[in-house]
């Protein structure tokens, strides 16, 4: 009789655990479904070398307002890409790297859309250009 009671109890525990897991699963699905969709726009900046078109991962990407107020600073990953979610609107990207000349791009982001901006950096740091002026 003890073996029968143990089986019934174990069966009941399995039922309760299964039911609880099902309820939790439904609750999480509903919260994901009922959550309002993001109205943010996604900025995808891709930084490349202008000659080789290879990724430049060590660059700094500054995301600015049109009035040059800094919003955030991004670092591209190994593939030269950086992503950031922003409100719809106009922004300015300033991309710099010690081995390249800085580049600035204006971009218009649209709500709920991804906007890809390719920035090709030209070799020669700004200091190299200044030095060349004084040595000629």
C-alpha atoms as a PDB file:
ATOM      1  CA  UNK A   1       0.000   0.000   0.000  1.00  0.00           C
ATOM      2  CA  UNK A   2       2.882   2.371   0.725  1.00  0.00           C
ATOM      3  CA  UNK A   3       4.179   1.986  -2.899  1.00  0.00           C
ATOM      4  CA  UNK A   4       0.726   2.863  -4.256  1.00  0.00           C
ATOM      5  CA  UNK A   5       0.521   6.035  -2.081  1.00  0.00           C
ATOM      6  CA  UNK A   6       4.013   7.059  -3.141  1.00  0.00           C
ATOM      7  CA  UNK A   7       3.029   6.701  -6.823  1.00  0.00           C
ATOM      8  CA  UNK A   8      -0.149   8.742  -6.330  1.00  0.00           C
ATOM      9  CA  UNK A   9       1.739  11.502  -4.529  1.00  0.00           C
ATOM     10  CA  UNK A  10       4.462  11.577  -7.175  1.00  0.00           C
ATOM     11  CA  UNK A  11       1.863  11.674  -9.921  1.00  0.00           C
ATOM     12  CA  UNK A  12       0.078  14.538  -8.176  1.00  0.00           C
ATOM     13  CA  UNK A  13       3.370  16.454  -7.794  1.00  0.00           C
ATOM     14  CA  UNK A  14       4.084  16.001 -11.517  1.00  0.00           C
ATOM     15  CA  UNK A  15       0.612  17.302 -12.356  1.00  0.00           C
ATOM     16  CA  UNK A  16       1.005  20.365 -10.132  1.00  0.00           C
ATOM     17  CA  UNK A  17       4.497  21.140 -11.491  1.00  0.00           C
ATOM     18  CA  UNK A  18       3.291  20.712 -15.086  1.00  0.00           C
ATOM     19  CA  UNK A  19       0.280  22.931 -14.473  1.00  0.00           C
ATOM     20  CA  UNK A  20       2.400  25.634 -12.808  1.00  0.00           C
ATOM     21  CA  UNK A  21       4.896  25.565 -15.700  1.00  0.00           C
ATOM     22  CA  UNK A  22       2.031  25.893 -18.198  1.00  0.00           C
ATOM     23  CA  UNK A  23       0.509  28.854 -16.346  1.00  0.00           C
ATOM     24  CA  UNK A  24       3.876  30.618 -16.117  1.00  0.00           C
ATOM     25  CA  UNK A  25       4.529  30.016 -19.802  1.00  0.00           C
ATOM     26  CA  UNK A  26       1.160  31.505 -20.761  1.00  0.00           C
ATOM     27  CA  UNK A  27       1.675  34.477 -18.423  1.00  0.00           C
ATOM     28  CA  UNK A  28       5.089  35.299 -19.954  1.00  0.00           C
ATOM     29  CA  UNK A  29       3.689  34.948 -23.481  1.00  0.00           C
ATOM     30  CA  UNK A  30       0.834  37.318 -22.669  1.00  0.00           C
ATOM     31  CA  UNK A  31       3.114  39.973 -21.182  1.00  0.00           C
ATOM     32  CA  UNK A  32       5.337  39.828 -24.283  1.00  0.00           C
ATOM     33  CA  UNK A  33       2.252  40.028 -26.520  1.00  0.00           C
ATOM     34  CA  UNK A  34       0.582  42.849 -24.581  1.00  0.00           C
ATOM     35  CA  UNK A  35       3.725  44.976 -24.232  1.00  0.00           C
ATOM     36  CA  UNK A  36       3.423  48.004 -26.523  1.00  0.00           C
ATOM     37  CA  UNK A  37       5.723  47.779 -29.540  1.00  0.00           C
ATOM     38  CA  UNK A  38       8.771  50.015 -29.480  1.00  0.00           C
ATOM     39  CA  UNK A  39       8.505  53.162 -31.566  1.00  0.00           C
ATOM     40  CA  UNK A  40      12.258  53.544 -31.513  1.00  0.00           C
ATOM     41  CA  UNK A  41      14.314  53.687 -34.671  1.00  0.00           C
ATOM     42  CA  UNK A  42      17.462  51.587 -34.969  1.00  0.00           C
ATOM     43  CA  UNK A  43      20.698  53.149 -36.138  1.00  0.00           C
ATOM     44  CA  UNK A  44      23.234  50.742 -37.630  1.00  0.00           C
ATOM     45  CA  UNK A  45      26.608  52.355 -38.285  1.00  0.00           C
ATOM     46  CA  UNK A  46      29.151  50.417 -40.342  1.00  0.00           C
ATOM     47  CA  UNK A  47      32.718  51.718 -40.246  1.00  0.00           C
ATOM     48  CA  UNK A  48      35.121  50.658 -43.013  1.00  0.00           C
ATOM     49  CA  UNK A  49      38.502  51.563 -44.442  1.00  0.00           C
ATOM     50  CA  UNK A  50      37.824  53.542 -47.644  1.00  0.00           C
ATOM     51  CA  UNK A  51      40.516  51.729 -49.663  1.00  0.00           C
ATOM     52  CA  UNK A  52      40.184  48.130 -48.490  1.00  0.00           C
ATOM     53  CA  UNK A  53      36.528  48.251 -47.338  1.00  0.00           C
ATOM     54  CA  UNK A  54      37.628  46.192 -44.338  1.00  0.00           C
ATOM     55  CA  UNK A  55      35.930  46.748 -40.986  1.00  0.00           C
ATOM     56  CA  UNK A  56      37.467  49.343 -38.659  1.00  0.00           C
ATOM     57  CA  UNK A  57      36.620  48.083 -35.187  1.00  0.00           C
ATOM     58  CA  UNK A  58      38.699  50.513 -33.127  1.00  0.00           C
ATOM     59  CA  UNK A  59      36.757  53.605 -34.179  1.00  0.00           C
ATOM     60  CA  UNK A  60      34.681  55.861 -31.951  1.00  0.00           C
ATOM     61  CA  UNK A  61      31.181  56.766 -33.131  1.00  0.00           C
ATOM     62  CA  UNK A  62      29.640  59.793 -31.487  1.00  0.00           C
ATOM     63  CA  UNK A  63      25.872  60.152 -31.907  1.00  0.00           C
ATOM     64  CA  UNK A  64      24.961  63.836 -31.715  1.00  0.00           C
ATOM     65  CA  UNK A  65      21.937  66.067 -32.117  1.00  0.00           C
ATOM     66  CA  UNK A  66      21.981  68.397 -35.158  1.00  0.00           C
ATOM     67  CA  UNK A  67      23.263  71.076 -32.721  1.00  0.00           C
ATOM     68  CA  UNK A  68      26.250  68.824 -31.837  1.00  0.00           C
ATOM     69  CA  UNK A  69      25.049  67.831 -28.353  1.00  0.00           C
ATOM     70  CA  UNK A  70      26.463  64.387 -27.532  1.00  0.00           C
ATOM     71  CA  UNK A  71      23.806  61.680 -27.016  1.00  0.00           C
ATOM     72  CA  UNK A  72      26.022  58.604 -26.768  1.00  0.00           C
ATOM     73  CA  UNK A  73      29.347  57.143 -27.853  1.00  0.00           C
ATOM     74  CA  UNK A  74      29.483  53.762 -29.583  1.00  0.00           C
ATOM     75  CA  UNK A  75      32.285  51.329 -30.386  1.00  0.00           C
ATOM     76  CA  UNK A  76      31.916  49.120 -33.469  1.00  0.00           C
ATOM     77  CA  UNK A  77      32.279  45.356 -33.021  1.00  0.00           C
ATOM     78  CA  UNK A  78      34.775  43.167 -34.920  1.00  0.00           C
ATOM     79  CA  UNK A  79      32.683  43.528 -38.098  1.00  0.00           C
ATOM     80  CA  UNK A  80      32.740  47.338 -37.927  1.00  0.00           C
ATOM     81  CA  UNK A  81      29.066  47.514 -36.887  1.00  0.00           C
ATOM     82  CA  UNK A  82      27.474  49.404 -34.017  1.00  0.00           C
ATOM     83  CA  UNK A  83      23.730  49.484 -33.239  1.00  0.00           C
ATOM     84  CA  UNK A  84      21.704  51.879 -31.130  1.00  0.00           C
ATOM     85  CA  UNK A  85      17.993  52.590 -30.665  1.00  0.00           C
ATOM     86  CA  UNK A  86      16.892  56.225 -30.809  1.00  0.00           C
ATOM     87  CA  UNK A  87      13.742  58.276 -31.185  1.00  0.00           C
ATOM     88  CA  UNK A  88      12.709  59.273 -34.678  1.00  0.00           C
ATOM     89  CA  UNK A  89      14.519  62.395 -35.876  1.00  0.00           C
ATOM     90  CA  UNK A  90      17.678  63.911 -37.273  1.00  0.00           C
ATOM     91  CA  UNK A  91      21.084  63.025 -35.886  1.00  0.00           C
ATOM     92  CA  UNK A  92      24.732  63.617 -36.680  1.00  0.00           C
ATOM     93  CA  UNK A  93      27.390  60.891 -36.514  1.00  0.00           C
ATOM     94  CA  UNK A  94      31.026  61.803 -35.944  1.00  0.00           C
ATOM     95  CA  UNK A  95      33.331  58.850 -36.537  1.00  0.00           C
ATOM     96  CA  UNK A  96      36.966  59.050 -35.500  1.00  0.00           C
ATOM     97  CA  UNK A  97      39.982  56.764 -35.229  1.00  0.00           C
ATOM     98  CA  UNK A  98      43.656  57.572 -34.457  1.00  0.00           C
ATOM     99  CA  UNK A  99      44.806  56.240 -37.879  1.00  0.00           C
ATOM    100  CA  UNK A 100      42.114  57.938 -39.982  1.00  0.00           C
ATOM    101  CA  UNK A 101      40.593  61.326 -40.672  1.00  0.00           C
ATOM    102  CA  UNK A 102      37.309  61.936 -38.843  1.00  0.00           C
ATOM    103  CA  UNK A 103      34.087  61.755 -40.858  1.00  0.00           C
ATOM    104  CA  UNK A 104      30.726  63.358 -40.109  1.00  0.00           C
ATOM    105  CA  UNK A 105      27.380  62.124 -41.447  1.00  0.00           C
ATOM    106  CA  UNK A 106      23.879  63.527 -40.995  1.00  0.00           C
ATOM    107  CA  UNK A 107      21.150  60.906 -40.756  1.00  0.00           C
ATOM    108  CA  UNK A 108      17.351  60.918 -40.553  1.00  0.00           C
ATOM    109  CA  UNK A 109      15.879  58.073 -38.478  1.00  0.00           C
ATOM    110  CA  UNK A 110      12.301  56.895 -38.961  1.00  0.00           C
ATOM    111  CA  UNK A 111      10.251  55.348 -36.158  1.00  0.00           C
ATOM    112  CA  UNK A 112      10.215  51.502 -36.093  1.00  0.00           C
ATOM    113  CA  UNK A 113      12.762  51.287 -38.945  1.00  0.00           C
ATOM    114  CA  UNK A 114      16.436  50.375 -39.132  1.00  0.00           C
ATOM    115  CA  UNK A 115      18.692  52.859 -40.883  1.00  0.00           C
ATOM    116  CA  UNK A 116      22.122  51.694 -42.008  1.00  0.00           C
ATOM    117  CA  UNK A 117      24.885  54.284 -42.383  1.00  0.00           C
ATOM    118  CA  UNK A 118      28.187  53.261 -43.973  1.00  0.00           C
ATOM    119  CA  UNK A 119      31.115  55.454 -43.014  1.00  0.00           C
ATOM    120  CA  UNK A 120      34.313  54.939 -44.967  1.00  0.00           C
ATOM    121  CA  UNK A 121      37.349  56.346 -43.213  1.00  0.00           C
ATOM    122  CA  UNK A 122      40.298  57.670 -45.205  1.00  0.00           C
ATOM    123  CA  UNK A 123      43.762  56.893 -43.902  1.00  0.00           C
ATOM    124  CA  UNK A 124      45.941  59.643 -42.526  1.00  0.00           C
ATOM    125  CA  UNK A 125      45.306  61.072 -39.107  1.00  0.00           C
ATOM    126  CA  UNK A 126      44.466  64.796 -38.954  1.00  0.00           C
ATOM    127  CA  UNK A 127      47.892  65.479 -37.403  1.00  0.00           C
ATOM    128  CA  UNK A 128      49.607  63.936 -40.449  1.00  0.00           C
ATOM    129  CA  UNK A 129      47.813  66.400 -42.722  1.00  0.00           C
ATOM    130  CA  UNK A 130      48.953  69.339 -40.552  1.00  0.00           C
ATOM    131  CA  UNK A 131      52.536  68.068 -40.524  1.00  0.00           C
ATOM    132  CA  UNK A 132      52.544  67.767 -44.323  1.00  0.00           C
ATOM    133  CA  UNK A 133      51.487  71.418 -44.638  1.00  0.00           C
ATOM    134  CA  UNK A 134      54.481  72.610 -42.627  1.00  0.00           C
ATOM    135  CA  UNK A 135      57.030  70.340 -44.348  1.00  0.00           C
ATOM    136  CA  UNK A 136      56.265  71.424 -47.932  1.00  0.00           C
END
